[in-house]
Amino acid sequence: TAFLHGDLDEEIYMKIPPGFEKNNSDKVCRIKKSLYGLKQEPRCWFEKLSTALKKYGFKQSYSDYSLFTLSKGGIQLNVLIYVDDML
């Protein structure tokens, strides 16, 4: 469900699913939130997660953009993002 919380930065349209429209097949739906199965969903989710981590003070690694670190009071916390998992 992590991918369902991403915000889309671009306009994406899809055909109306069967059963929702009776005779007009030329209409489309504009998607406002990330939808499971979209090619853009991992990118949207990562952008939202990385923005939240940076707000909490995490620093994004330049050598590996999926690695975020936070150092406070002699303690270092490393978060590594892999697809939709955090290690």
C-alpha atoms as a PDB file:
ATOM      1  CA  THR A   1       0.000   0.000   0.000  1.00  0.00           C
ATOM      2  CA  ALA A   2       3.026   2.311   0.198  1.00  0.00           C
ATOM      3  CA  PHE A   3       2.745   3.196  -3.479  1.00  0.00           C
ATOM      4  CA  LEU A   4      -0.845   4.396  -3.061  1.00  0.00           C
ATOM      5  CA  HIS A   5       0.249   7.465  -1.071  1.00  0.00           C
ATOM      6  CA  GLY A   6       2.407   9.086  -3.748  1.00  0.00           C
ATOM      7  CA  ASP A   7       1.424  12.411  -5.268  1.00  0.00           C
ATOM      8  CA  LEU A   8       1.589  12.742  -9.029  1.00  0.00           C
ATOM      9  CA  ASP A   9       3.493  15.708 -10.466  1.00  0.00           C
ATOM     10  CA  GLU A  10       2.248  15.150 -14.003  1.00  0.00           C
ATOM     11  CA  GLU A  11      -1.112  14.671 -15.665  1.00  0.00           C
ATOM     12  CA  ILE A  12      -1.957  11.010 -16.236  1.00  0.00           C
ATOM     13  CA  TYR A  13      -5.113   9.752 -17.907  1.00  0.00           C
ATOM     14  CA  MET A  14      -6.594   6.281 -18.190  1.00  0.00           C
ATOM     15  CA  LYS A  15      -9.518   4.691 -19.990  1.00  0.00           C
ATOM     16  CA  ILE A  16     -12.686   4.349 -17.958  1.00  0.00           C
ATOM     17  CA  PRO A  17     -12.894   0.791 -16.577  1.00  0.00           C
ATOM     18  CA  PRO A  18     -15.559  -1.500 -18.065  1.00  0.00           C
ATOM     19  CA  GLY A  19     -18.914  -1.144 -16.342  1.00  0.00           C
ATOM     20  CA  PHE A  20     -18.522   2.517 -15.313  1.00  0.00           C
ATOM     21  CA  GLU A  21     -19.578   4.088 -18.616  1.00  0.00           C
ATOM     22  CA  LYS A  22     -22.428   2.744 -20.725  1.00  0.00           C
ATOM     23  CA  ASN A  23     -22.094   3.974 -24.307  1.00  0.00           C
ATOM     24  CA  ASN A  24     -19.366   6.618 -24.443  1.00  0.00           C
ATOM     25  CA  SER A  25     -15.992   4.923 -24.842  1.00  0.00           C
ATOM     26  CA  ASP A  26     -14.185   8.144 -25.810  1.00  0.00           C
ATOM     27  CA  LYS A  27     -14.094   9.477 -22.225  1.00  0.00           C
ATOM     28  CA  VAL A  28     -11.043   9.121 -19.954  1.00  0.00           C
ATOM     29  CA  CYS A  29     -10.274   9.607 -16.248  1.00  0.00           C
ATOM     30  CA  ARG A  30      -7.571  11.915 -14.905  1.00  0.00           C
ATOM     31  CA  ILE A  31      -5.631  10.279 -12.074  1.00  0.00           C
ATOM     32  CA  LYS A  32      -4.769  12.624  -9.183  1.00  0.00           C
ATOM     33  CA  LYS A  33      -3.058  10.147  -6.830  1.00  0.00           C
ATOM     34  CA  SER A  34      -0.680   7.303  -7.515  1.00  0.00           C
ATOM     35  CA  LEU A  35      -2.461   4.136  -8.556  1.00  0.00           C
ATOM     36  CA  TYR A  36      -1.204   0.575  -8.169  1.00  0.00           C
ATOM     37  CA  GLY A  37       0.313  -0.536 -11.463  1.00  0.00           C
ATOM     38  CA  LEU A  38       1.462   2.875 -12.696  1.00  0.00           C
ATOM     39  CA  LYS A  39       5.025   3.114 -13.953  1.00  0.00           C
ATOM     40  CA  GLN A  40       5.419   6.387 -12.035  1.00  0.00           C
ATOM     41  CA  GLU A  41       4.364   5.036  -8.634  1.00  0.00           C
ATOM     42  CA  PRO A  42       7.799   3.982  -7.275  1.00  0.00           C
ATOM     43  CA  ARG A  43       9.257   7.374  -8.186  1.00  0.00           C
ATOM     44  CA  CYS A  44       6.329   9.242  -6.591  1.00  0.00           C
ATOM     45  CA  TRP A  45       6.560   7.203  -3.414  1.00  0.00           C
ATOM     46  CA  PHE A  46      10.342   7.627  -3.141  1.00  0.00           C
ATOM     47  CA  GLU A  47      10.026  11.388  -3.617  1.00  0.00           C
ATOM     48  CA  LYS A  48       7.432  11.654  -0.844  1.00  0.00           C
ATOM     49  CA  LEU A  49       9.451   9.438   1.531  1.00  0.00           C
ATOM     50  CA  SER A  50      12.770  11.202   0.882  1.00  0.00           C
ATOM     51  CA  THR A  51      11.138  14.602   1.435  1.00  0.00           C
ATOM     52  CA  ALA A  52       9.771  13.414   4.808  1.00  0.00           C
ATOM     53  CA  LEU A  53      13.141  11.956   5.878  1.00  0.00           C
ATOM     54  CA  LYS A  54      14.931  15.186   4.987  1.00  0.00           C
ATOM     55  CA  LYS A  55      12.431  17.170   7.069  1.00  0.00           C
ATOM     56  CA  TYR A  56      13.416  15.028  10.073  1.00  0.00           C
ATOM     57  CA  GLY A  57      17.091  15.888   9.520  1.00  0.00           C
ATOM     58  CA  PHE A  58      18.291  12.905   7.503  1.00  0.00           C
ATOM     59  CA  LYS A  59      21.005  13.552   4.921  1.00  0.00           C
ATOM     60  CA  GLN A  60      20.789  11.830   1.544  1.00  0.00           C
ATOM     61  CA  SER A  61      24.008  10.167   0.348  1.00  0.00           C
ATOM     62  CA  TYR A  62      25.504  11.465  -2.893  1.00  0.00           C
ATOM     63  CA  SER A  63      27.088   8.106  -3.734  1.00  0.00           C
ATOM     64  CA  ASP A  64      23.857   6.123  -3.145  1.00  0.00           C
ATOM     65  CA  TYR A  65      20.664   8.183  -3.350  1.00  0.00           C
ATOM     66  CA  SER A  66      18.666   5.483  -1.567  1.00  0.00           C
ATOM     67  CA  LEU A  67      20.790   5.833   1.616  1.00  0.00           C
ATOM     68  CA  PHE A  68      19.785   8.354   4.289  1.00  0.00           C
ATOM     69  CA  THR A  69      21.743   8.990   7.502  1.00  0.00           C
ATOM     70  CA  LEU A  70      20.958  10.847  10.711  1.00  0.00           C
ATOM     71  CA  SER A  71      23.593  11.571  13.365  1.00  0.00           C
ATOM     72  CA  LYS A  72      22.628  12.941  16.786  1.00  0.00           C
ATOM     73  CA  GLY A  73      24.417  12.735  20.112  1.00  0.00           C
ATOM     74  CA  GLY A  74      26.943  10.113  18.998  1.00  0.00           C
ATOM     75  CA  ILE A  75      24.258   7.852  17.517  1.00  0.00           C
ATOM     76  CA  GLN A  76      24.049   7.264  13.790  1.00  0.00           C
ATOM     77  CA  LEU A  77      20.898   5.961  12.122  1.00  0.00           C
ATOM     78  CA  ASN A  78      21.135   4.643   8.548  1.00  0.00           C
ATOM     79  CA  VAL A  79      18.044   4.045   6.425  1.00  0.00           C
ATOM     80  CA  LEU A  80      18.399   2.281   3.090  1.00  0.00           C
ATOM     81  CA  ILE A  81      15.419   2.301   0.728  1.00  0.00           C
ATOM     82  CA  TYR A  82      14.921  -0.661  -1.585  1.00  0.00           C
ATOM     83  CA  VAL A  83      11.820  -0.426  -3.806  1.00  0.00           C
ATOM     84  CA  ASP A  84       9.178  -0.108  -1.061  1.00  0.00           C
ATOM     85  CA  ASP A  85      11.192  -1.491   1.885  1.00  0.00           C
ATOM     86  CA  MET A  86      13.371   0.290   4.443  1.00  0.00           C
ATOM     87  CA  LEU A  87      16.429  -1.478   5.848  1.00  0.00           C
END
